[in-house]
Amino acid sequence: MPELAAHVRDVPVNQIREITEAAWRTPGAIVLSIGEPGFAVPRHILEAGMACLDRDETNYTPNAGIPALRQAFAARFGEHNATPVGAERVYVVDGAQQGLHFAMSLLLSPGDEILIPNPGYPTFAMTSSLLHAVPVRYPLYPEHDFQPRIADIEGLITPRTKVLILNSPSNPLGAVLGEELTRSLVALAVRHDLWIISDECYEAFTYDVPHVSPARFDSDVPGEARVFTSLTLSKTYGLTGLRIGALICPPGLEQRMNNVMEAIVSCVASPSQYAALAALTGPQDYVSHAHAHYRANRDAASAVLESRGIPFLTAQGAFYLWADVSHVSGGDVRSWVRRFLADSGVSFAPGTAFGSIGEGWIRIALCGSQADLVEGLGRLPVRLS
């Protein structure tokens, strides 16, 4: 048979899925390797999606989504970020991953370079490579609390650099970018005439610090604005299977966005859009309950890690803890998590799933039951020194 394209053959295995699927095949495993919210979706959200099907409202929608949902996303973004956004700049997408692909499709030509965090979410590199672009990883070092440094990023910029990806709150780190650093990162992009794609999947979940969107510091003048903001309801409302989110674009790109959206998915399924509308405009009890649960789990997990002498990054956002297991991983944390699952029945995402700086680290998902979380972490080997 003919060969697949080289850029497809070179896409690496997603190590998060690799260990999680192994855990799903392991009877009685405690799965702490994947970020899947565990609460029941509120009834009013489910009923809105079912009502759409009952009405047989199953035809195409506009490329950009139903107007009411675009307005709801714009209203929520403006309220939470003190940054007014017109609904005409909001494009309803088939989950955050499709939103990232959408943005990169608009911005990257073959051979262009895109700056992505190391450690950072794996699909940043996977998606850009599929588009024939070149992912260039900027370092987030433990000694700097895994925060980006302007000089480190600036030193990687070349004439081929087109896009800077930011992710706050961070998956996998739980780190949050502060206001001054965010402002400086936008200024860096302006100096070097770069686009910014801001992945804000976990914007609803920060602890004692605010979420700061780079869009707050972007120009509102067409031709000068440069920030694309990727949002999702997967984490905020536990709608991972409905595949629904939004991409907010700079002003003046509306027609281009329609053209590209048509070529990728045409439009998002109607039931998912109406369910999302109910989520955004209805009661917000789910979000406040989830926030309290994740925070309590973060604190409980932190206490277990401290009791076992295991260093970790204090999570300021998202629902993950980033922990240092280099005392047992032997320089190959990917192999170690597989052995640990086999021996102890607990799965963690290996830090190398997120980049080379993740060697010796694991990502711990905080979104399940606290009892399972504490039990699983209690099986980690004690660090003696």
Protein backbone atom coordinates (compact mmCIF):
# COMPACT_ATOMS: atom_id res chain seq x y z
CA MET A 1 0.00 0.00 0.00
CA PRO A 2 1.17 3.62 -0.45
CA GLU A 3 2.99 5.22 2.48
CA LEU A 4 1.42 7.74 4.79
CA ALA A 5 2.74 11.29 4.68
CA ALA A 6 6.05 11.70 6.53
CA HIS A 7 4.66 14.35 8.89
CA VAL A 8 1.97 11.89 10.00
CA ARG A 9 4.41 9.02 10.50
CA ASP A 10 6.49 11.26 12.75
CA VAL A 11 3.66 12.23 15.13
CA PRO A 12 4.69 10.79 18.52
CA VAL A 13 2.58 8.64 20.80
CA ASN A 14 0.64 10.68 23.34
CA GLN A 15 2.14 9.37 26.58
CA ILE A 16 -0.89 10.51 28.60
CA ARG A 17 -3.19 8.27 26.59
CA GLU A 18 -0.60 5.50 26.59
CA ILE A 19 -0.52 5.16 30.38
CA THR A 20 -4.23 5.93 30.87
CA GLU A 21 -5.38 3.24 28.44
CA ALA A 22 -3.07 0.78 30.21
CA ALA A 23 -4.70 1.81 33.51
CA TRP A 24 -8.20 1.33 32.10
CA ARG A 25 -7.18 -2.23 31.23
CA THR A 26 -5.93 -2.84 34.79
CA PRO A 27 -8.67 -4.10 37.15
CA GLY A 28 -9.08 -1.86 40.20
CA ALA A 29 -6.54 0.73 39.04
CA ILE A 30 -6.60 4.23 40.53
CA VAL A 31 -6.41 6.47 37.47
CA LEU A 32 -4.67 9.78 38.25
CA SER A 33 -3.24 10.23 34.75
CA ILE A 34 -6.05 11.99 32.89
CA GLY A 35 -7.98 15.21 33.49
CA GLU A 36 -11.56 14.00 33.29
CA PRO A 37 -14.06 15.83 35.55
CA GLY A 38 -16.01 13.31 37.60
CA PHE A 39 -19.26 15.11 38.45
CA ALA A 40 -22.63 14.50 36.81
CA VAL A 41 -23.51 17.17 34.26
CA PRO A 42 -26.35 19.38 35.57
CA ARG A 43 -29.78 18.34 34.33
CA HIS A 44 -30.63 21.68 32.72
CA ILE A 45 -27.60 21.33 30.41
CA LEU A 46 -28.55 17.80 29.36
CA GLU A 47 -32.19 18.81 28.81
CA ALA A 48 -31.17 21.69 26.55
CA GLY A 49 -29.27 19.30 24.29
CA MET A 50 -32.13 16.77 24.29
CA ALA A 51 -34.70 19.50 23.56
CA CYS A 52 -32.69 20.44 20.48
CA LEU A 53 -33.00 16.84 19.25
CA ASP A 54 -36.70 16.73 20.15
CA ARG A 55 -37.26 19.82 17.97
CA ASP A 56 -35.34 18.05 15.20
CA GLU A 57 -33.07 21.08 15.09
CA THR A 58 -30.36 19.03 13.44
CA ASN A 59 -29.52 21.07 10.36
CA TYR A 60 -26.41 23.13 9.70
CA THR A 61 -25.81 26.17 11.85
CA PRO A 62 -23.77 29.19 10.74
CA ASN A 63 -20.07 28.41 10.50
CA ALA A 64 -19.39 30.53 13.58
CA GLY A 65 -22.17 28.99 15.69
CA ILE A 66 -25.65 30.00 16.78
CA PRO A 67 -25.81 33.75 17.57
CA ALA A 68 -27.08 33.30 21.15
CA LEU A 69 -24.14 31.05 22.05
CA ARG A 70 -21.59 33.42 20.52
CA GLN A 71 -23.11 36.23 22.58
CA ALA A 72 -23.02 34.08 25.74
CA PHE A 73 -19.33 33.28 25.26
CA ALA A 74 -18.59 36.97 24.63
CA ALA A 75 -20.51 38.02 27.75
CA ARG A 76 -18.76 35.48 29.96
CA PHE A 77 -15.33 36.39 28.62
CA GLY A 78 -15.99 40.08 29.17
CA GLU A 79 -17.26 39.53 32.69
CA HIS A 80 -14.39 37.28 33.78
CA ASN A 81 -11.57 39.18 32.11
CA ALA A 82 -12.71 42.82 32.26
CA THR A 83 -12.17 42.80 28.49
CA PRO A 84 -15.22 43.53 26.32
CA VAL A 85 -15.43 41.33 23.22
CA GLY A 86 -18.00 41.58 20.45
CA ALA A 87 -19.88 38.38 19.62
CA GLU A 88 -18.75 38.74 16.00
CA ARG A 89 -15.23 37.79 17.16
CA VAL A 90 -16.37 34.54 18.82
CA TYR A 91 -16.27 31.29 16.84
CA VAL A 92 -17.87 28.19 18.33
CA VAL A 93 -15.51 25.26 17.91
CA ASP A 94 -15.58 21.49 18.34
CA GLY A 95 -13.65 21.56 21.63
CA ALA A 96 -10.46 23.38 22.53
CA GLN A 97 -8.30 21.04 20.47
CA GLN A 98 -10.17 21.94 17.29
CA GLY A 99 -9.87 25.58 18.32
CA LEU A 100 -6.09 25.25 18.57
CA HIS A 101 -5.96 23.52 15.19
CA PHE A 102 -8.18 26.26 13.76
CA ALA A 103 -5.92 29.03 15.03
CA MET A 104 -2.73 27.33 13.86
CA SER A 105 -4.29 26.69 10.44
CA LEU A 106 -4.89 30.43 10.12
CA LEU A 107 -1.43 31.50 11.25
CA LEU A 108 1.19 28.94 10.22
CA SER A 109 2.67 28.27 6.79
CA PRO A 110 4.97 25.31 6.10
CA GLY A 111 8.35 25.90 7.75
CA ASP A 112 7.09 28.60 10.12
CA GLU A 113 8.19 28.29 13.74
CA ILE A 114 5.84 28.29 16.72
CA LEU A 115 7.08 28.80 20.28
CA ILE A 116 5.55 26.29 22.71
CA PRO A 117 6.18 25.77 26.45
CA ASN A 118 8.42 22.99 27.77
CA PRO A 119 6.78 21.45 29.78
CA GLY A 120 3.57 22.07 27.85
CA TYR A 121 0.52 20.25 26.58
CA PRO A 122 1.55 17.63 23.97
CA THR A 123 -0.84 18.61 21.20
CA PHE A 124 0.79 22.03 20.85
CA ALA A 125 3.69 20.26 19.12
CA MET A 126 1.59 17.53 17.51
CA THR A 127 -0.86 19.92 15.86
CA SER A 128 1.73 22.36 14.57
CA SER A 129 3.77 19.49 13.12
CA LEU A 130 0.70 18.19 11.29
CA LEU A 131 0.46 21.64 9.67
CA HIS A 132 4.11 21.38 8.48
CA ALA A 133 5.24 24.03 10.98
CA VAL A 134 8.20 23.70 13.34
CA PRO A 135 7.53 23.62 17.10
CA VAL A 136 10.30 25.33 19.10
CA ARG A 137 10.14 24.71 22.84
CA TYR A 138 10.82 27.55 25.26
CA PRO A 139 12.00 26.40 28.69
CA LEU A 140 10.09 26.56 31.96
CA TYR A 141 12.66 25.71 34.62
CA PRO A 142 12.02 24.32 38.12
CA GLU A 143 14.38 26.90 39.63
CA HIS A 144 12.11 29.65 38.29
CA ASP A 145 8.89 27.98 39.48
CA PHE A 146 8.23 26.88 35.90
CA GLN A 147 7.44 30.46 34.86
CA PRO A 148 8.57 31.66 31.42
CA ARG A 149 11.39 34.21 31.21
CA ILE A 150 11.35 36.85 28.52
CA ALA A 151 15.07 36.45 27.77
CA ASP A 152 14.73 32.69 27.28
CA ILE A 153 11.91 33.15 24.77
CA GLU A 154 13.51 36.09 23.00
CA GLY A 155 16.70 34.08 22.46
CA LEU A 156 14.74 31.52 20.44
CA ILE A 157 13.06 33.96 18.05
CA THR A 158 14.22 33.81 14.43
CA PRO A 159 12.95 35.39 11.19
CA ARG A 160 10.77 32.26 10.77
CA THR A 161 9.01 32.61 14.15
CA LYS A 162 5.31 33.40 13.70
CA VAL A 163 3.40 32.34 16.84
CA LEU A 164 3.86 32.28 20.61
CA ILE A 165 1.65 29.86 22.57
CA LEU A 166 0.77 30.75 26.16
CA ASN A 167 -1.12 28.46 28.54
CA SER A 168 -2.44 29.77 31.84
CA PRO A 169 -3.51 28.11 34.05
CA SER A 170 -1.04 25.55 32.81
CA ASN A 171 -1.63 21.95 31.94
CA PRO A 172 0.43 20.12 33.26
CA LEU A 173 1.92 22.50 35.82
CA GLY A 174 -0.97 24.23 37.55
CA ALA A 175 1.11 27.42 37.19
CA VAL A 176 -0.62 30.76 36.53
CA LEU A 177 0.85 33.75 34.70
CA GLY A 178 0.66 36.96 36.71
CA GLU A 179 -0.43 40.32 35.34
CA GLU A 180 3.00 41.88 34.85
CA LEU A 181 4.48 38.80 33.21
CA THR A 182 1.46 38.48 30.92
CA ARG A 183 1.77 42.14 29.94
CA SER A 184 5.48 41.60 29.22
CA LEU A 185 4.78 38.54 27.07
CA VAL A 186 2.29 40.49 24.95
CA ALA A 187 4.85 43.31 24.62
CA LEU A 188 7.42 40.72 23.48
CA ALA A 189 5.02 39.54 20.78
CA VAL A 190 4.47 43.14 19.66
CA ARG A 191 8.23 43.79 19.47
CA HIS A 192 8.78 40.79 17.25
CA ASP A 193 5.48 40.97 15.37
CA LEU A 194 4.25 37.57 16.55
CA TRP A 195 0.78 36.16 16.90
CA ILE A 196 -0.26 34.82 20.32
CA ILE A 197 -2.47 31.78 20.85
CA SER A 198 -3.62 31.79 24.46
CA ASP A 199 -4.90 28.42 25.70
CA GLU A 200 -7.23 29.21 28.62
CA CYS A 201 -8.95 25.84 29.12
CA TYR A 202 -8.73 26.11 32.91
CA GLU A 203 -9.54 29.80 33.33
CA ALA A 204 -12.41 29.02 35.74
CA PHE A 205 -10.08 27.32 38.22
CA THR A 206 -7.50 29.49 39.98
CA TYR A 207 -6.71 29.51 43.70
CA ASP A 208 -5.92 32.77 45.53
CA VAL A 209 -4.64 34.39 42.31
CA PRO A 210 -6.59 35.91 39.42
CA HIS A 211 -6.73 34.53 35.91
CA VAL A 212 -5.20 37.11 33.56
CA SER A 213 -5.93 36.76 29.86
CA PRO A 214 -3.36 38.18 27.39
CA ALA A 215 -6.32 39.66 25.52
CA ARG A 216 -6.49 42.32 28.26
CA PHE A 217 -3.29 43.83 26.86
CA ASP A 218 -4.05 43.37 23.17
CA SER A 219 -4.87 46.19 20.78
CA ASP A 220 -8.48 46.52 19.66
CA VAL A 221 -7.42 48.08 16.35
CA PRO A 222 -7.81 45.80 13.29
CA GLY A 223 -4.39 44.98 11.90
CA GLU A 224 -2.64 45.58 15.22
CA ALA A 225 -4.35 43.01 17.47
CA ARG A 226 -2.59 39.65 17.69
CA VAL A 227 -4.17 37.47 20.42
CA PHE A 228 -6.32 34.41 19.71
CA THR A 229 -8.00 33.05 22.84
CA SER A 230 -8.96 29.38 23.05
CA LEU A 231 -11.76 28.49 25.49
CA THR A 232 -13.59 25.26 26.29
CA LEU A 233 -16.52 24.06 28.36
CA SER A 234 -14.96 20.59 28.72
CA LYS A 235 -13.29 21.40 32.03
CA THR A 236 -15.47 24.24 33.30
CA TYR A 237 -18.73 22.26 33.09
CA GLY A 238 -17.49 18.69 32.62
CA LEU A 239 -18.63 18.56 28.98
CA THR A 240 -15.61 16.68 27.64
CA GLY A 241 -17.68 14.42 25.36
CA LEU A 242 -19.84 17.17 23.87
CA ARG A 243 -16.76 18.77 22.26
CA ILE A 244 -17.68 22.42 22.62
CA GLY A 245 -15.58 25.55 23.04
CA ALA A 246 -14.83 28.90 21.46
CA LEU A 247 -12.00 30.65 19.68
CA ILE A 248 -11.94 34.43 20.06
CA CYS A 249 -10.11 36.11 17.21
CA PRO A 250 -8.63 39.59 16.78
CA PRO A 251 -10.94 42.10 15.06
CA GLY A 252 -11.08 42.19 11.27
CA LEU A 253 -10.63 38.46 10.57
CA GLU A 254 -14.26 37.38 10.50
CA GLN A 255 -14.51 36.38 6.83
CA ARG A 256 -11.19 34.54 6.92
CA MET A 257 -12.40 32.66 9.99
CA ASN A 258 -15.60 31.58 8.22
CA ASN A 259 -13.67 30.29 5.22
CA VAL A 260 -11.30 28.18 7.30
CA MET A 261 -14.04 26.89 9.61
CA GLU A 262 -15.97 25.65 6.59
CA ALA A 263 -12.92 23.72 5.43
CA ILE A 264 -12.29 22.08 8.81
CA VAL A 265 -15.68 21.08 10.30
CA SER A 266 -18.25 23.40 8.69
CA CYS A 267 -20.03 23.87 12.03
CA VAL A 268 -20.44 22.31 15.47
CA ALA A 269 -23.33 19.92 16.22
CA SER A 270 -26.53 21.72 17.21
CA PRO A 271 -27.27 19.75 20.43
CA SER A 272 -23.83 20.54 21.80
CA GLN A 273 -24.35 24.23 21.06
CA TYR A 274 -27.68 24.40 22.87
CA ALA A 275 -26.28 22.46 25.82
CA ALA A 276 -23.39 24.94 25.95
CA LEU A 277 -25.81 27.87 25.87
CA ALA A 278 -27.65 26.42 28.87
CA ALA A 279 -24.35 25.90 30.69
CA LEU A 280 -23.20 29.49 30.17
CA THR A 281 -26.51 31.21 30.90
CA GLY A 282 -28.01 28.90 33.56
CA PRO A 283 -27.14 28.21 37.21
CA GLN A 284 -23.41 28.11 37.94
CA ASP A 285 -23.52 25.73 40.92
CA TYR A 286 -21.50 23.11 39.03
CA VAL A 287 -18.56 25.48 38.59
CA SER A 288 -18.46 26.63 42.21
CA HIS A 289 -18.78 23.03 43.46
CA ALA A 290 -16.03 21.81 41.11
CA HIS A 291 -13.75 24.69 42.13
CA ALA A 292 -14.13 23.83 45.83
CA HIS A 293 -13.56 20.12 45.14
CA TYR A 294 -10.40 20.68 43.11
CA ARG A 295 -9.01 23.04 45.70
CA ALA A 296 -9.70 20.60 48.53
CA ASN A 297 -8.09 17.80 46.51
CA ARG A 298 -5.07 19.98 45.82
CA ASP A 299 -4.63 20.60 49.53
CA ALA A 300 -5.13 16.94 50.47
CA ALA A 301 -2.68 15.77 47.78
CA SER A 302 -0.13 18.39 48.81
CA ALA A 303 -0.28 17.12 52.40
CA VAL A 304 0.38 13.53 51.30
CA LEU A 305 3.32 14.54 49.12
CA GLU A 306 4.81 16.63 51.94
CA SER A 307 4.47 13.72 54.36
CA ARG A 308 6.41 11.51 51.95
CA GLY A 309 9.12 14.11 51.28
CA ILE A 310 8.24 14.46 47.60
CA PRO A 311 8.81 17.94 46.12
CA PHE A 312 6.01 19.47 44.05
CA LEU A 313 4.94 22.74 42.48
CA THR A 314 2.13 24.37 44.44
CA ALA A 315 -0.78 24.54 42.00
CA GLN A 316 -2.27 28.02 41.59
CA GLY A 317 -4.76 26.85 38.97
CA ALA A 318 -6.18 24.02 36.83
CA PHE A 319 -6.60 20.64 38.56
CA TYR A 320 -3.17 19.05 38.48
CA LEU A 321 -0.16 18.73 40.74
CA TRP A 322 3.33 18.52 39.27
CA ALA A 323 5.56 16.33 41.45
CA ASP A 324 9.24 15.36 41.39
CA VAL A 325 9.77 11.57 41.51
CA SER A 326 13.35 11.65 40.26
CA HIS A 327 14.41 9.79 43.42
CA VAL A 328 12.80 6.64 42.01
CA SER A 329 12.33 7.16 38.25
CA GLY A 330 15.97 6.48 37.34
CA GLY A 331 16.13 9.00 34.52
CA ASP A 332 13.26 7.37 32.56
CA VAL A 333 9.97 8.49 34.05
CA ARG A 334 7.96 7.13 31.12
CA SER A 335 9.11 3.59 31.92
CA TRP A 336 8.77 4.18 35.64
CA VAL A 337 5.05 5.11 35.46
CA ARG A 338 4.37 1.88 33.57
CA ARG A 339 6.21 -0.16 36.22
CA PHE A 340 4.47 1.72 39.02
CA LEU A 341 1.06 0.98 37.48
CA ALA A 342 1.94 -2.70 37.22
CA ASP A 343 3.31 -2.88 40.76
CA SER A 344 0.99 -0.51 42.65
CA GLY A 345 -2.16 -0.16 40.51
CA VAL A 346 -1.90 3.65 40.22
CA SER A 347 -1.38 5.65 37.03
CA PHE A 348 0.24 9.08 36.66
CA ALA A 349 1.06 10.99 33.49
CA PRO A 350 4.83 10.98 32.93
CA GLY A 351 6.43 14.41 32.80
CA THR A 352 8.09 13.57 29.48
CA ALA A 353 4.64 13.61 27.87
CA PHE A 354 4.96 17.39 28.17
CA GLY A 355 8.57 17.95 27.10
CA SER A 356 12.16 17.18 28.00
CA ILE A 357 12.13 19.32 31.16
CA GLY A 358 9.44 16.97 32.47
CA GLU A 359 11.94 14.15 32.93
CA GLY A 360 11.74 12.96 36.54
CA TRP A 361 8.33 14.57 37.12
CA ILE A 362 4.74 13.33 37.05
CA ARG A 363 1.41 15.07 36.55
CA ILE A 364 -1.24 14.11 39.10
CA ALA A 365 -4.90 14.70 38.16
CA LEU A 366 -6.92 16.13 41.07
CA CYS A 367 -10.38 15.82 39.57
CA GLY A 368 -11.52 12.42 40.90
CA SER A 369 -12.49 11.29 44.38
CA GLN A 370 -10.36 12.50 47.25
CA ALA A 371 -10.25 9.02 48.76
CA ASP A 372 -8.74 7.53 45.59
CA LEU A 373 -6.34 10.45 45.27
CA VAL A 374 -5.01 10.11 48.81
CA GLU A 375 -4.81 6.32 48.54
CA GLY A 376 -2.95 6.48 45.23
CA LEU A 377 -0.44 9.06 46.40
CA GLY A 378 0.07 7.11 49.60
CA ARG A 379 1.57 4.31 47.49
CA LEU A 380 4.41 6.52 46.24
CA PRO A 381 7.85 5.64 47.63
CA VAL A 382 9.05 7.94 50.42
CA ARG A 383 11.87 10.30 49.53
CA LEU A 384 14.43 9.96 52.31
CA SER A 385 16.64 12.94 51.50
